[in-house]
Amino acid sequence: MAKSGAHTVLAGDVYATSDYPEFDQALAAFLKTQQVAACEPQSAAIAVAGPVRDNRAVMTNLGWVIDGPELQKQFGFRVEVLNDFEAVGYGVPELTDDDIITLHDVPAHPKGPKAVLGPGTGLGEAQLFWDDALGTYRVCPSEGAHSGFAPRGWKQLMLCHSVERELGHVDVEHVACGSGLVRIYDFLRRDEPSQYPGVDLSRELDPAGVSRAAVDGSNPVASEALDIFLAIIGAEAANMALRGLSSGGVYIAGGIIPKVLDRVKQGGVLDAFLWRASRFHEKVLKDVPLHVVTNDKIGLLGARAEAVRAAKRVTQES
C-alpha cells in the first residue's frame, strides 16, 4: 500500500494463497493490519497472473475469482483488476535512470511507442502507446510470447526442431523463459555431445543452476546455452520493436536477465537486437533504445500508478 501524494510505501506483506479459500479474505486480512487500518483507501489496483476481462479475473489453479465491481461493493473503494504484466507495462513510465541499464543508448522519441518483455518463469510481453487523454502511456497487454519462435542460424533451427518434436509446436516462450533456458541446455547436451569432450553431460540443472554454471565458467554446455538464450531474448526484443515501431524504447524486465548482467554486457543481447544483417537495422532498429530493468518492483510501481489514477478519478467524480 502506498500514499498517493508522496508515493511512500506504508505497508507490505506476503499472504500464502493456501490460507485463504477466497481472494477477498486475503484482502480483508491485509486491510486489517495496523498500518492499513489507520488509512482510508480510496482505490486499489490488483495485478493478477492471468487474463482479465471486464475488470474481472479467474485464477483457475486457485479457484479465486477477483471481481473488481464486487470487491468495490464489499470494501467501499475503487478496484481496478489488471494482468500482472500489464502492471509491469504501467511501471515502465515510473522508472528512473537508477532502475535501468542501457544497452543501446540512442535518443528516445518523445511519446513514442514503448515495448516491454520479461523472461522469468514465463515470458511476458506488452506494448505501450501514448494517450493524450490520460497524459501518459496506455498499456496493451499481449500474448505475444505464445507466437511462433523464429530461429536465427542453423543451431537455433535445430533447437526449434528439437522442441517441436518434444511439444508439437514451438512458442517463443518455450525457449525464452526459465524452463526454456533448461530446454536449450538439455538440447545441447543431448544433441551435441561430441562438442564437449570430457564434460559430464549427464548432469541435470534447473534454470538457476544453468545460469550459475554459465556465469562461473564451470560448465561449457551451460555457457553456450545461456549465450543462445540471450540471443533469443535480443531477437524477440527486436521483433517487438518492429511490431510496435517502438521509438520510445524497448525494456527487458523479468527475473533472469538482471542476474546475468555481466554476460549481457558482453553484447549478445544487443547484437541480436540490432540485427545488422537485416535491412530493418538501418530502417528501424538502430534508432530504438534498449534497456534492462534492474528494479524488481516494476510491477508494484505500475499497480501503484494505476491505483493513484483510479483515486484521482474518484476525486473527480465526487
Protein backbone atom coordinates (compact mmCIF):
# COMPACT_ATOMS: atom_id res chain seq x y z
CA MET A 1 0.00 0.00 0.00
CA ALA A 2 1.29 3.48 -0.89
CA LYS A 3 0.35 7.02 -0.02
CA SER A 4 -0.75 8.64 -3.30
CA GLY A 5 0.90 12.02 -2.81
CA ALA A 6 4.45 11.15 -1.80
CA HIS A 7 4.16 7.57 -3.08
CA THR A 8 5.53 6.32 0.22
CA VAL A 9 5.25 2.61 0.92
CA LEU A 10 3.25 2.26 4.14
CA ALA A 11 2.72 -1.47 4.37
CA GLY A 12 3.60 -4.69 2.60
CA ASP A 13 3.24 -8.36 3.41
CA VAL A 14 3.07 -11.82 1.86
CA TYR A 15 -0.05 -13.96 2.23
CA ALA A 16 0.00 -17.68 1.43
CA THR A 17 -2.75 -18.45 -1.06
CA SER A 18 -3.35 -21.79 0.67
CA ASP A 19 -4.51 -19.92 3.79
CA TYR A 20 -7.39 -18.16 2.01
CA PRO A 21 -10.11 -20.01 0.10
CA GLU A 22 -11.20 -16.71 -1.50
CA PHE A 23 -9.22 -13.64 -2.56
CA ASP A 24 -11.43 -11.23 -0.64
CA GLN A 25 -10.40 -12.98 2.60
CA ALA A 26 -6.73 -12.30 1.88
CA LEU A 27 -7.53 -8.68 1.03
CA ALA A 28 -9.58 -8.30 4.23
CA ALA A 29 -6.65 -9.63 6.28
CA PHE A 30 -4.34 -7.04 4.70
CA LEU A 31 -6.79 -4.22 5.29
CA LYS A 32 -7.00 -5.13 8.99
CA THR A 33 -3.26 -4.70 9.58
CA GLN A 34 -2.38 -1.76 11.79
CA GLN A 35 -0.73 0.37 9.11
CA VAL A 36 -3.55 -0.07 6.60
CA ALA A 37 -6.40 0.20 9.09
CA ALA A 38 -5.13 3.67 10.03
CA CYS A 39 -5.71 4.85 6.45
CA GLU A 40 -8.81 5.23 4.35
CA PRO A 41 -8.02 3.64 0.97
CA GLN A 42 -9.69 5.30 -1.98
CA SER A 43 -8.61 2.83 -4.61
CA ALA A 44 -6.77 -0.42 -5.26
CA ALA A 45 -5.07 -1.90 -8.31
CA ILE A 46 -4.78 -5.67 -8.20
CA ALA A 47 -2.36 -7.33 -10.62
CA VAL A 48 -3.31 -10.91 -11.47
CA ALA A 49 -1.35 -13.65 -13.24
CA GLY A 50 -3.91 -14.44 -15.91
CA PRO A 51 -6.30 -12.88 -18.41
CA VAL A 52 -8.52 -10.02 -17.25
CA ARG A 53 -11.85 -9.22 -18.84
CA ASP A 54 -14.35 -6.57 -17.75
CA ASN A 55 -12.34 -5.81 -14.61
CA ARG A 56 -12.57 -9.44 -13.54
CA ALA A 57 -10.13 -12.35 -13.45
CA VAL A 58 -10.46 -16.04 -12.61
CA MET A 59 -7.38 -17.74 -11.18
CA THR A 60 -8.24 -21.29 -12.17
CA ASN A 61 -5.47 -23.04 -10.25
CA LEU A 62 -6.54 -21.37 -7.00
CA GLY A 63 -10.27 -21.22 -7.54
CA TRP A 64 -10.13 -17.48 -6.85
CA VAL A 65 -12.41 -15.02 -8.62
CA ILE A 66 -11.13 -11.45 -8.45
CA ASP A 67 -14.07 -9.28 -9.40
CA GLY A 68 -13.40 -5.54 -9.31
CA PRO A 69 -17.03 -4.33 -9.05
CA GLU A 70 -17.86 -6.92 -6.36
CA LEU A 71 -14.76 -6.02 -4.33
CA GLN A 72 -15.68 -2.36 -4.67
CA LYS A 73 -19.13 -3.06 -3.19
CA GLN A 74 -17.64 -5.14 -0.38
CA PHE A 75 -14.84 -2.81 0.69
CA GLY A 76 -16.09 0.59 -0.39
CA PHE A 77 -13.22 1.78 -2.60
CA ARG A 78 -12.48 1.72 -6.33
CA VAL A 79 -10.85 -1.53 -7.51
CA GLU A 80 -9.00 -1.96 -10.79
CA VAL A 81 -8.02 -5.50 -11.83
CA LEU A 82 -5.19 -5.82 -14.33
CA ASN A 83 -2.95 -8.51 -15.74
CA ASP A 84 0.35 -8.84 -13.88
CA PHE A 85 2.44 -7.98 -16.93
CA GLU A 86 0.09 -5.12 -17.76
CA ALA A 87 1.16 -3.78 -14.35
CA VAL A 88 4.80 -4.18 -15.44
CA GLY A 89 3.94 -2.11 -18.51
CA TYR A 90 2.46 0.68 -16.39
CA GLY A 91 5.62 0.52 -14.31
CA VAL A 92 7.83 1.44 -17.29
CA PRO A 93 6.99 5.20 -17.23
CA GLU A 94 7.63 5.18 -13.47
CA LEU A 95 11.24 4.03 -13.83
CA THR A 96 14.17 6.31 -13.11
CA ASP A 97 17.68 6.15 -14.52
CA ASP A 98 18.70 4.21 -11.40
CA ASP A 99 16.24 1.44 -12.32
CA ILE A 100 17.71 0.59 -15.72
CA ILE A 101 20.91 -0.42 -17.50
CA THR A 102 21.04 0.95 -21.05
CA LEU A 103 22.38 -1.41 -23.71
CA HIS A 104 21.67 0.77 -26.75
CA ASP A 105 21.97 4.43 -25.89
CA VAL A 106 20.17 6.41 -28.58
CA PRO A 107 17.59 9.18 -28.07
CA ALA A 108 14.07 8.03 -27.34
CA HIS A 109 11.34 9.67 -29.37
CA PRO A 110 9.10 11.79 -27.08
CA LYS A 111 5.77 9.99 -26.62
CA GLY A 112 6.99 7.27 -28.98
CA PRO A 113 5.65 3.73 -28.51
CA LYS A 114 7.46 1.55 -25.99
CA ALA A 115 7.64 -2.20 -25.51
CA VAL A 116 8.50 -4.36 -22.52
CA LEU A 117 9.23 -8.07 -22.26
CA GLY A 118 10.10 -10.10 -19.20
CA PRO A 119 11.66 -13.56 -19.26
CA GLY A 120 11.17 -15.28 -15.92
CA THR A 121 9.03 -18.28 -15.01
CA GLY A 122 7.26 -17.50 -18.27
CA LEU A 123 7.64 -14.73 -20.84
CA GLY A 124 5.52 -11.60 -20.51
CA GLU A 125 5.10 -9.00 -23.24
CA ALA A 126 3.27 -5.69 -23.52
CA GLN A 127 3.19 -2.62 -25.75
CA LEU A 128 2.79 0.96 -24.54
CA PHE A 129 1.21 3.74 -26.59
CA TRP A 130 0.91 7.39 -25.58
CA ASP A 131 -2.62 8.54 -24.67
CA ASP A 132 -3.15 12.31 -24.64
CA ALA A 133 -6.34 11.94 -22.62
CA LEU A 134 -4.52 10.06 -19.86
CA GLY A 135 -1.42 12.22 -20.10
CA THR A 136 0.69 9.08 -20.00
CA TYR A 137 1.08 5.73 -21.73
CA ARG A 138 -1.73 3.23 -22.12
CA VAL A 139 -0.59 -0.39 -21.87
CA CYS A 140 -1.80 -3.02 -24.31
CA PRO A 141 -1.18 -6.44 -22.75
CA SER A 142 -0.20 -9.21 -25.12
CA GLU A 143 0.04 -12.96 -25.52
CA GLY A 144 2.87 -12.43 -28.00
CA ALA A 145 5.04 -14.85 -26.04
CA HIS A 146 2.90 -17.61 -27.49
CA SER A 147 3.55 -16.63 -31.09
CA GLY A 148 5.81 -18.88 -33.11
CA PHE A 149 9.54 -18.95 -32.47
CA ALA A 150 11.56 -17.66 -35.44
CA PRO A 151 15.04 -19.23 -35.19
CA ARG A 152 18.15 -17.48 -36.49
CA GLY A 153 21.02 -19.63 -37.73
CA TRP A 154 21.39 -23.39 -38.03
CA LYS A 155 21.79 -24.14 -34.32
CA GLN A 156 18.62 -22.30 -33.31
CA LEU A 157 16.88 -24.05 -36.21
CA MET A 158 17.96 -27.44 -34.84
CA LEU A 159 16.80 -26.32 -31.38
CA CYS A 160 13.43 -25.43 -32.89
CA HIS A 161 13.15 -28.90 -34.46
CA SER A 162 14.04 -30.47 -31.10
CA VAL A 163 11.38 -28.52 -29.21
CA GLU A 164 8.81 -29.26 -31.92
CA ARG A 165 9.49 -32.98 -31.51
CA GLU A 166 9.04 -32.58 -27.76
CA LEU A 167 5.97 -30.34 -27.64
CA GLY A 168 4.41 -30.46 -31.11
CA HIS A 169 4.82 -26.70 -31.61
CA VAL A 170 7.31 -24.00 -30.60
CA ASP A 171 6.21 -20.80 -28.89
CA VAL A 172 8.78 -18.08 -28.26
CA GLU A 173 8.17 -18.68 -24.55
CA HIS A 174 9.31 -22.30 -24.90
CA VAL A 175 12.88 -21.09 -25.43
CA ALA A 176 12.77 -17.65 -23.75
CA CYS A 177 11.98 -18.24 -20.08
CA GLY A 178 13.44 -20.23 -17.19
CA SER A 179 12.27 -23.60 -18.45
CA GLY A 180 13.34 -22.50 -21.94
CA LEU A 181 16.91 -21.99 -20.72
CA VAL A 182 16.89 -25.53 -19.35
CA ARG A 183 15.40 -26.77 -22.62
CA ILE A 184 18.29 -25.20 -24.56
CA TYR A 185 20.81 -26.72 -22.13
CA ASP A 186 19.24 -30.16 -22.49
CA PHE A 187 19.21 -29.84 -26.28
CA LEU A 188 22.93 -29.08 -26.36
CA ARG A 189 24.00 -31.87 -24.03
CA ARG A 190 21.80 -34.40 -25.84
CA ASP A 191 22.35 -33.42 -29.47
CA GLU A 192 25.97 -32.22 -29.46
CA PRO A 193 27.94 -34.49 -27.11
CA SER A 194 30.97 -34.54 -29.43
CA GLN A 195 31.36 -30.79 -28.96
CA TYR A 196 32.08 -31.20 -25.26
CA PRO A 197 34.77 -33.86 -24.77
CA GLY A 198 35.48 -34.64 -21.14
CA VAL A 199 32.35 -32.84 -19.88
CA ASP A 200 29.81 -34.70 -17.74
CA LEU A 201 26.69 -34.38 -19.89
CA SER A 202 24.51 -36.44 -17.56
CA ARG A 203 24.13 -33.60 -15.07
CA GLU A 204 20.64 -32.09 -14.95
CA LEU A 205 20.25 -28.44 -13.95
CA ASP A 206 17.39 -26.11 -13.10
CA PRO A 207 17.27 -22.56 -14.57
CA ALA A 208 19.26 -21.03 -11.70
CA GLY A 209 21.79 -23.85 -12.00
CA VAL A 210 22.30 -23.27 -15.71
CA SER A 211 22.79 -19.54 -15.12
CA ARG A 212 25.26 -20.09 -12.27
CA ALA A 213 27.30 -22.69 -14.16
CA ALA A 214 27.42 -20.40 -17.21
CA VAL A 215 28.48 -17.32 -15.27
CA ASP A 216 31.15 -19.04 -13.17
CA GLY A 217 32.52 -20.89 -16.21
CA SER A 218 32.23 -24.34 -14.64
CA ASN A 219 30.09 -25.84 -17.42
CA PRO A 220 30.70 -25.03 -21.12
CA VAL A 221 27.32 -26.51 -22.10
CA ALA A 222 25.54 -24.15 -19.72
CA SER A 223 27.67 -21.30 -21.02
CA GLU A 224 26.62 -21.91 -24.62
CA ALA A 225 23.01 -22.42 -23.54
CA LEU A 226 22.99 -19.00 -21.86
CA ASP A 227 24.52 -17.36 -24.95
CA ILE A 228 21.81 -18.86 -27.18
CA PHE A 229 19.14 -17.84 -24.67
CA LEU A 230 20.37 -14.23 -24.57
CA ALA A 231 20.46 -14.10 -28.37
CA ILE A 232 16.85 -15.29 -28.47
CA ILE A 233 15.83 -12.61 -25.96
CA GLY A 234 17.60 -9.93 -28.01
CA ALA A 235 15.90 -11.14 -31.17
CA GLU A 236 12.47 -11.12 -29.55
CA ALA A 237 13.12 -7.59 -28.25
CA ALA A 238 13.85 -6.62 -31.87
CA ASN A 239 10.65 -8.31 -33.04
CA MET A 240 8.67 -6.27 -30.51
CA ALA A 241 10.41 -3.07 -31.62
CA LEU A 242 9.45 -3.80 -35.23
CA ARG A 243 5.84 -4.73 -34.42
CA GLY A 244 5.19 -1.53 -32.47
CA LEU A 245 7.79 0.78 -34.06
CA SER A 246 8.97 1.31 -30.50
CA SER A 247 10.86 4.58 -30.92
CA GLY A 248 10.34 5.23 -27.20
CA GLY A 249 12.48 2.23 -26.33
CA VAL A 250 12.33 -1.47 -25.52
CA TYR A 251 12.69 -2.61 -21.91
CA ILE A 252 13.76 -6.09 -20.80
CA ALA A 253 12.39 -6.86 -17.34
CA GLY A 254 11.83 -10.22 -15.62
CA GLY A 255 13.86 -12.17 -13.11
CA ILE A 256 16.54 -13.76 -15.30
CA ILE A 257 18.38 -11.02 -17.19
CA PRO A 258 19.33 -8.84 -14.17
CA LYS A 259 21.03 -11.88 -12.61
CA VAL A 260 23.37 -12.33 -15.60
CA LEU A 261 24.13 -8.68 -16.34
CA ASP A 262 27.86 -9.23 -16.77
CA ARG A 263 27.12 -11.72 -19.53
CA VAL A 264 24.51 -9.42 -21.05
CA LYS A 265 27.03 -6.58 -21.20
CA GLN A 266 29.29 -8.73 -23.37
CA GLY A 267 26.98 -7.86 -26.25
CA GLY A 268 25.00 -10.96 -27.19
CA VAL A 269 21.61 -9.40 -26.44
CA LEU A 270 22.44 -6.15 -28.23
CA ASP A 271 23.91 -7.86 -31.30
CA ALA A 272 20.75 -9.93 -31.71
CA PHE A 273 18.58 -6.86 -31.11
CA LEU A 274 20.33 -4.66 -33.69
CA TRP A 275 20.23 -7.50 -36.26
CA ARG A 276 22.70 -5.84 -38.61
CA ALA A 277 22.09 -8.49 -41.28
CA SER A 278 18.53 -7.21 -41.71
CA ARG A 279 17.61 -4.19 -43.81
CA PHE A 280 15.48 -3.12 -40.85
CA HIS A 281 18.62 -2.43 -38.83
CA GLU A 282 19.03 0.82 -40.75
CA LYS A 283 15.31 1.47 -41.16
CA VAL A 284 14.23 0.95 -37.53
CA LEU A 285 16.37 -0.91 -35.02
CA LYS A 286 19.48 1.29 -34.94
CA ASP A 287 17.29 4.14 -33.65
CA VAL A 288 15.49 2.21 -30.88
CA PRO A 289 16.84 2.45 -27.31
CA LEU A 290 17.25 -0.84 -25.44
CA HIS A 291 17.27 -1.09 -21.65
CA VAL A 292 17.42 -3.78 -18.98
CA VAL A 293 15.19 -3.13 -15.97
CA THR A 294 17.01 -3.82 -12.71
CA ASN A 295 14.17 -2.78 -10.36
CA ASP A 296 12.35 -6.00 -9.48
CA LYS A 297 9.42 -3.95 -8.12
CA ILE A 298 8.42 -2.64 -11.54
CA GLY A 299 5.07 -4.46 -11.38
CA LEU A 300 4.36 -2.87 -8.00
CA LEU A 301 5.28 0.55 -9.42
CA GLY A 302 2.79 0.01 -12.24
CA ALA A 303 -0.01 -1.19 -9.97
CA ARG A 304 0.60 1.79 -7.71
CA ALA A 305 0.42 4.19 -10.66
CA GLU A 306 -2.89 2.66 -11.72
CA ALA A 307 -4.26 2.89 -8.16
CA VAL A 308 -3.27 6.56 -7.96
CA ARG A 309 -5.03 7.28 -11.26
CA ALA A 310 -8.10 5.44 -10.01
CA ALA A 311 -8.07 7.53 -6.82
CA LYS A 312 -7.90 10.71 -8.91
CA ARG A 313 -10.90 9.54 -10.91
CA VAL A 314 -12.82 9.02 -7.65
CA THR A 315 -11.97 12.57 -6.61
CA GLN A 316 -13.04 13.99 -9.97
CA GLU A 317 -16.34 12.09 -9.85
CA SER A 318 -17.24 13.19 -6.33
